[in-house]
Structure formats: C-alpha cells, structure tokens
Amino acid sequence: LAENPQNDVPSGHVCIDRGFCFFICVPSKLKPSLTQKPSFTYPAKVKRVVDGDTIIVEIDLGFNARTSARLRLRGINTPEMSDPGGEPAKRFVTRQLPAGKQLVIRSYSTDIYGRFVADVFYSKGKATSQQIIKDGIFLNNKLLENNYAVRI
C-alpha cells in the first residue's frame, strides 16, 4: 500500500504502488490483498537487448497495467559494446532472450543512469510465469557461468 503522490485518492478507493513509478487506485470493495512489504517480482516480456547487461522489457504490473523499462542486470558487468567481449555478450543474451520472450524479473532499485536494477529469470521453451519462478534459468548467473560477465 502506498500513498498516492497527489493525495487524490477517491473516496472508497485504495491507492496501490505497483512499482516502476506506477500507482493504481481501485475500489476498496474489491478487497485487494495488501501487505506492508512491497512485492518486486513481475512477469515481463523482452522488447530489446541493448547490451550484455541491459535489456528493455514490457512489465505486467497487474490490474491490466503495463509499462516499459530499461533493466540493468544486478551484480554483474559485461564489457561495453565498443570493448572486446561486448558483442559476444550481447549475442549470448539475444539468443537466450529473443524479442517477445516471457520473463520473470525481480527489481531492487535504480542505478545512476535511471535503469532499474534487476534479476532476470527465463525458460528455454515456452513457460508460464509460475513455471519460470519454479524452474527458471537465472540470466545474471548464466552470463557469469559462460564468462561473458564479471561479478560486481
């Protein structure tokens, strides 16, 4: 539960912070399940791979709300595109995450460039978000295991 930044919550409604700077007001009679601890895990789809450690995704925030965001993979660093190793790292991520690929992301904060820092999970084949959460592949670790990234 979050305060609406404009304090204009209609009477009989509750304002919910869905993350990624998105708030939604819903009628209290819907009895949304609210907790004091925010949830930072979302289903998403790949829009574009920028480089080895940055991707653009469309995030499903729930309540029929979606947003696009630039994600920076948490805890790793890949070479810049102009450096040796930059192109191979991007190719590896692009093979793992083609456009439209279903993901599950867990966001933490933003970096100095305004990108959301996140862990990214995916499946080799088609899978639901629940299947990805249960058996998914952790992209951040895959990049480390295949020597495309270093831990930071």
C-alpha atoms as a PDB file:
ATOM      1  CA  LEU A   1       0.000   0.000   0.000  1.00  0.00           C
ATOM      2  CA  ALA A   2       1.395   3.382  -0.899  1.00  0.00           C
ATOM      3  CA  GLU A   3       0.299   6.925  -0.572  1.00  0.00           C
ATOM      4  CA  ASN A   4      -0.860   8.482  -3.808  1.00  0.00           C
ATOM      5  CA  PRO A   5       1.729  11.154  -4.620  1.00  0.00           C
ATOM      6  CA  GLN A   6      -1.019  13.646  -5.479  1.00  0.00           C
ATOM      7  CA  ASN A   7      -3.194  12.688  -2.466  1.00  0.00           C
ATOM      8  CA  ASP A   8      -6.231  12.498  -4.724  1.00  0.00           C
ATOM      9  CA  VAL A   9      -7.473   9.017  -3.862  1.00  0.00           C
ATOM     10  CA  PRO A  10     -11.233   8.959  -4.491  1.00  0.00           C
ATOM     11  CA  SER A  11     -13.472   8.168  -1.544  1.00  0.00           C
ATOM     12  CA  GLY A  12     -13.984   4.417  -1.173  1.00  0.00           C
ATOM     13  CA  HIS A  13     -10.764   3.593  -3.050  1.00  0.00           C
ATOM     14  CA  VAL A  14      -7.297   2.477  -2.073  1.00  0.00           C
ATOM     15  CA  CYS A  15      -4.103   3.501  -3.899  1.00  0.00           C
ATOM     16  CA  ILE A  16      -1.635   0.682  -4.592  1.00  0.00           C
ATOM     17  CA  ASP A  17       2.013   1.142  -5.544  1.00  0.00           C
ATOM     18  CA  ARG A  18       2.559  -1.368  -8.385  1.00  0.00           C
ATOM     19  CA  GLY A  19       6.220  -0.456  -8.772  1.00  0.00           C
ATOM     20  CA  PHE A  20       8.100   1.235 -11.592  1.00  0.00           C
ATOM     21  CA  CYS A  21       6.588   4.625 -10.604  1.00  0.00           C
ATOM     22  CA  PHE A  22       3.058   3.369 -11.278  1.00  0.00           C
ATOM     23  CA  PHE A  23       0.171   3.791  -8.840  1.00  0.00           C
ATOM     24  CA  ILE A  24      -3.341   2.473  -9.296  1.00  0.00           C
ATOM     25  CA  CYS A  25      -6.474   3.310  -7.357  1.00  0.00           C
ATOM     26  CA  VAL A  26      -9.048   0.542  -7.024  1.00  0.00           C
ATOM     27  CA  PRO A  27     -12.391   0.413  -5.204  1.00  0.00           C
ATOM     28  CA  SER A  28     -11.993  -0.779  -1.617  1.00  0.00           C
ATOM     29  CA  LYS A  29     -14.905  -3.169  -2.162  1.00  0.00           C
ATOM     30  CA  LEU A  30     -12.616  -5.278  -4.389  1.00  0.00           C
ATOM     31  CA  LYS A  31     -10.715  -6.041  -1.177  1.00  0.00           C
ATOM     32  CA  PRO A  32      -7.261  -6.112  -2.771  1.00  0.00           C
ATOM     33  CA  SER A  33      -4.726  -8.215  -0.909  1.00  0.00           C
ATOM     34  CA  LEU A  34      -2.383  -5.662   0.661  1.00  0.00           C
ATOM     35  CA  THR A  35       0.805  -6.085   2.644  1.00  0.00           C
ATOM     36  CA  GLN A  36       3.192  -3.623   4.203  1.00  0.00           C
ATOM     37  CA  LYS A  37       6.135  -5.333   2.465  1.00  0.00           C
ATOM     38  CA  PRO A  38       6.140  -4.484  -1.252  1.00  0.00           C
ATOM     39  CA  SER A  39       6.436  -7.162  -3.909  1.00  0.00           C
ATOM     40  CA  PHE A  40       9.091  -6.576  -6.532  1.00  0.00           C
ATOM     41  CA  THR A  41       8.570  -9.650  -8.733  1.00  0.00           C
ATOM     42  CA  TYR A  42       6.791  -9.214 -12.064  1.00  0.00           C
ATOM     43  CA  PRO A  43       6.082 -11.101 -15.269  1.00  0.00           C
ATOM     44  CA  ALA A  44       7.609  -9.340 -18.274  1.00  0.00           C
ATOM     45  CA  LYS A  45       8.378  -9.756 -21.972  1.00  0.00           C
ATOM     46  CA  VAL A  46      11.572  -8.861 -23.786  1.00  0.00           C
ATOM     47  CA  LYS A  47      11.331  -5.875 -26.114  1.00  0.00           C
ATOM     48  CA  ARG A  48      15.026  -5.471 -26.948  1.00  0.00           C
ATOM     49  CA  VAL A  49      18.520  -6.415 -25.781  1.00  0.00           C
ATOM     50  CA  VAL A  50      20.678  -3.280 -25.510  1.00  0.00           C
ATOM     51  CA  ASP A  51      23.929  -4.967 -24.498  1.00  0.00           C
ATOM     52  CA  GLY A  52      25.116  -7.844 -22.317  1.00  0.00           C
ATOM     53  CA  ASP A  53      23.796  -6.420 -19.066  1.00  0.00           C
ATOM     54  CA  THR A  54      20.957  -4.118 -20.176  1.00  0.00           C
ATOM     55  CA  ILE A  55      17.583  -5.079 -21.634  1.00  0.00           C
ATOM     56  CA  ILE A  56      14.308  -3.289 -22.349  1.00  0.00           C
ATOM     57  CA  VAL A  57      11.173  -5.110 -21.218  1.00  0.00           C
ATOM     58  CA  GLU A  58       7.428  -4.685 -21.056  1.00  0.00           C
ATOM     59  CA  ILE A  59       6.338  -5.341 -17.470  1.00  0.00           C
ATOM     60  CA  ASP A  60       2.918  -6.586 -16.414  1.00  0.00           C
ATOM     61  CA  LEU A  61       2.068  -4.567 -13.292  1.00  0.00           C
ATOM     62  CA  GLY A  62      -1.292  -6.238 -12.769  1.00  0.00           C
ATOM     63  CA  PHE A  63      -4.748  -4.650 -12.989  1.00  0.00           C
ATOM     64  CA  ASN A  64      -4.330  -4.549 -16.805  1.00  0.00           C
ATOM     65  CA  ALA A  65      -1.438  -2.098 -16.470  1.00  0.00           C
ATOM     66  CA  ARG A  66       1.838  -2.455 -18.372  1.00  0.00           C
ATOM     67  CA  THR A  67       4.951  -0.329 -18.580  1.00  0.00           C
ATOM     68  CA  SER A  68       8.253  -0.452 -20.439  1.00  0.00           C
ATOM     69  CA  ALA A  69      11.511  -0.208 -18.536  1.00  0.00           C
ATOM     70  CA  ARG A  70      15.233  -0.426 -19.136  1.00  0.00           C
ATOM     71  CA  LEU A  71      16.747  -3.027 -16.795  1.00  0.00           C
ATOM     72  CA  ARG A  72      20.360  -3.335 -15.646  1.00  0.00           C
ATOM     73  CA  LEU A  73      21.251  -6.860 -14.544  1.00  0.00           C
ATOM     74  CA  ARG A  74      22.093  -6.881 -10.823  1.00  0.00           C
ATOM     75  CA  GLY A  75      25.506  -7.863  -9.544  1.00  0.00           C
ATOM     76  CA  ILE A  76      27.290  -8.290 -12.871  1.00  0.00           C
ATOM     77  CA  ASN A  77      29.078  -6.271 -15.513  1.00  0.00           C
ATOM     78  CA  THR A  78      29.665  -7.137 -19.160  1.00  0.00           C
ATOM     79  CA  PRO A  79      32.063  -5.324 -21.491  1.00  0.00           C
ATOM     80  CA  GLU A  80      30.768  -2.222 -23.245  1.00  0.00           C
ATOM     81  CA  MET A  81      29.783  -2.686 -26.887  1.00  0.00           C
ATOM     82  CA  SER A  82      32.919  -0.850 -28.044  1.00  0.00           C
ATOM     83  CA  ASP A  83      35.170  -3.137 -25.946  1.00  0.00           C
ATOM     84  CA  PRO A  84      36.337  -6.670 -26.731  1.00  0.00           C
ATOM     85  CA  GLY A  85      33.716  -9.063 -25.464  1.00  0.00           C
ATOM     86  CA  GLY A  86      30.832  -6.599 -25.761  1.00  0.00           C
ATOM     87  CA  GLU A  87      29.354  -8.025 -28.963  1.00  0.00           C
ATOM     88  CA  PRO A  88      29.645 -11.679 -27.858  1.00  0.00           C
ATOM     89  CA  ALA A  89      27.921 -10.879 -24.537  1.00  0.00           C
ATOM     90  CA  LYS A  90      25.059  -9.142 -26.353  1.00  0.00           C
ATOM     91  CA  ARG A  91      24.731 -12.048 -28.817  1.00  0.00           C
ATOM     92  CA  PHE A  92      24.561 -14.512 -25.919  1.00  0.00           C
ATOM     93  CA  VAL A  93      21.767 -12.555 -24.214  1.00  0.00           C
ATOM     94  CA  THR A  94      19.911 -12.083 -27.515  1.00  0.00           C
ATOM     95  CA  ARG A  95      19.996 -15.860 -28.117  1.00  0.00           C
ATOM     96  CA  GLN A  96      18.646 -16.507 -24.629  1.00  0.00           C
ATOM     97  CA  LEU A  97      16.077 -13.686 -24.730  1.00  0.00           C
ATOM     98  CA  PRO A  98      14.660 -13.074 -28.204  1.00  0.00           C
ATOM     99  CA  ALA A  99      12.038 -10.324 -28.541  1.00  0.00           C
ATOM    100  CA  GLY A 100       8.732 -11.445 -27.053  1.00  0.00           C
ATOM    101  CA  LYS A 101      10.325 -13.967 -24.659  1.00  0.00           C
ATOM    102  CA  GLN A 102       8.398 -14.368 -21.389  1.00  0.00           C
ATOM    103  CA  LEU A 103      10.437 -13.494 -18.278  1.00  0.00           C
ATOM    104  CA  VAL A 104      10.085 -13.012 -14.578  1.00  0.00           C
ATOM    105  CA  ILE A 105      12.001 -10.073 -13.141  1.00  0.00           C
ATOM    106  CA  ARG A 106      12.801  -9.074  -9.586  1.00  0.00           C
ATOM    107  CA  SER A 107      13.658  -5.393  -9.266  1.00  0.00           C
ATOM    108  CA  TYR A 108      15.653  -3.761  -6.496  1.00  0.00           C
ATOM    109  CA  SER A 109      16.400  -0.086  -7.163  1.00  0.00           C
ATOM    110  CA  THR A 110      17.595   2.237  -9.891  1.00  0.00           C
ATOM    111  CA  ASP A 111      21.185   2.879 -10.901  1.00  0.00           C
ATOM    112  CA  ILE A 112      22.855   6.228 -11.581  1.00  0.00           C
ATOM    113  CA  TYR A 113      21.546   6.129 -15.170  1.00  0.00           C
ATOM    114  CA  GLY A 114      17.912   5.606 -14.127  1.00  0.00           C
ATOM    115  CA  ARG A 115      17.799   1.938 -15.131  1.00  0.00           C
ATOM    116  CA  PHE A 116      16.005  -0.461 -12.804  1.00  0.00           C
ATOM    117  CA  VAL A 117      18.447  -2.974 -11.321  1.00  0.00           C
ATOM    118  CA  ALA A 118      17.003  -6.484 -11.616  1.00  0.00           C
ATOM    119  CA  ASP A 119      17.431 -10.216 -11.572  1.00  0.00           C
ATOM    120  CA  VAL A 120      16.049 -11.861 -14.723  1.00  0.00           C
ATOM    121  CA  PHE A 121      14.660 -15.399 -14.942  1.00  0.00           C
ATOM    122  CA  TYR A 122      13.562 -17.210 -18.104  1.00  0.00           C
ATOM    123  CA  SER A 123      12.885 -20.664 -19.518  1.00  0.00           C
ATOM    124  CA  LYS A 124      14.400 -22.304 -22.597  1.00  0.00           C
ATOM    125  CA  GLY A 125      10.974 -23.127 -24.026  1.00  0.00           C
ATOM    126  CA  LYS A 126       7.576 -21.568 -23.594  1.00  0.00           C
ATOM    127  CA  ALA A 127       6.592 -21.323 -19.944  1.00  0.00           C
ATOM    128  CA  THR A 128       4.188 -19.518 -17.668  1.00  0.00           C
ATOM    129  CA  SER A 129       5.421 -17.075 -15.046  1.00  0.00           C
ATOM    130  CA  GLN A 130       4.723 -19.677 -12.357  1.00  0.00           C
ATOM    131  CA  GLN A 131       6.838 -22.264 -14.205  1.00  0.00           C
ATOM    132  CA  ILE A 132       9.655 -19.740 -14.643  1.00  0.00           C
ATOM    133  CA  ILE A 133       9.580 -18.898 -10.930  1.00  0.00           C
ATOM    134  CA  LYS A 134       9.731 -22.612 -10.060  1.00  0.00           C
ATOM    135  CA  ASP A 135      12.272 -23.882 -12.632  1.00  0.00           C
ATOM    136  CA  GLY A 136      13.612 -20.831 -14.459  1.00  0.00           C
ATOM    137  CA  ILE A 137      17.155 -20.026 -15.530  1.00  0.00           C
ATOM    138  CA  PHE A 138      18.834 -17.092 -13.753  1.00  0.00           C
ATOM    139  CA  LEU A 139      20.256 -14.945 -16.585  1.00  0.00           C
ATOM    140  CA  ASN A 140      22.629 -12.991 -14.343  1.00  0.00           C
ATOM    141  CA  ASN A 141      24.344 -16.248 -13.278  1.00  0.00           C
ATOM    142  CA  LYS A 142      24.303 -17.683 -16.813  1.00  0.00           C
ATOM    143  CA  LEU A 143      26.371 -14.732 -18.005  1.00  0.00           C
ATOM    144  CA  LEU A 144      28.880 -15.362 -15.198  1.00  0.00           C
ATOM    145  CA  GLU A 145      29.000 -19.130 -15.824  1.00  0.00           C
ATOM    146  CA  ASN A 146      29.700 -18.576 -19.533  1.00  0.00           C
ATOM    147  CA  ASN A 147      32.404 -15.929 -18.867  1.00  0.00           C
ATOM    148  CA  TYR A 148      30.515 -13.080 -20.524  1.00  0.00           C
ATOM    149  CA  ALA A 149      30.330 -11.110 -17.267  1.00  0.00           C
ATOM    150  CA  VAL A 150      32.226 -10.408 -14.073  1.00  0.00           C
ATOM    151  CA  ARG A 151      30.720 -10.069 -10.622  1.00  0.00           C
ATOM    152  CA  ILE A 152      30.494  -6.536  -9.216  1.00  0.00           C
END
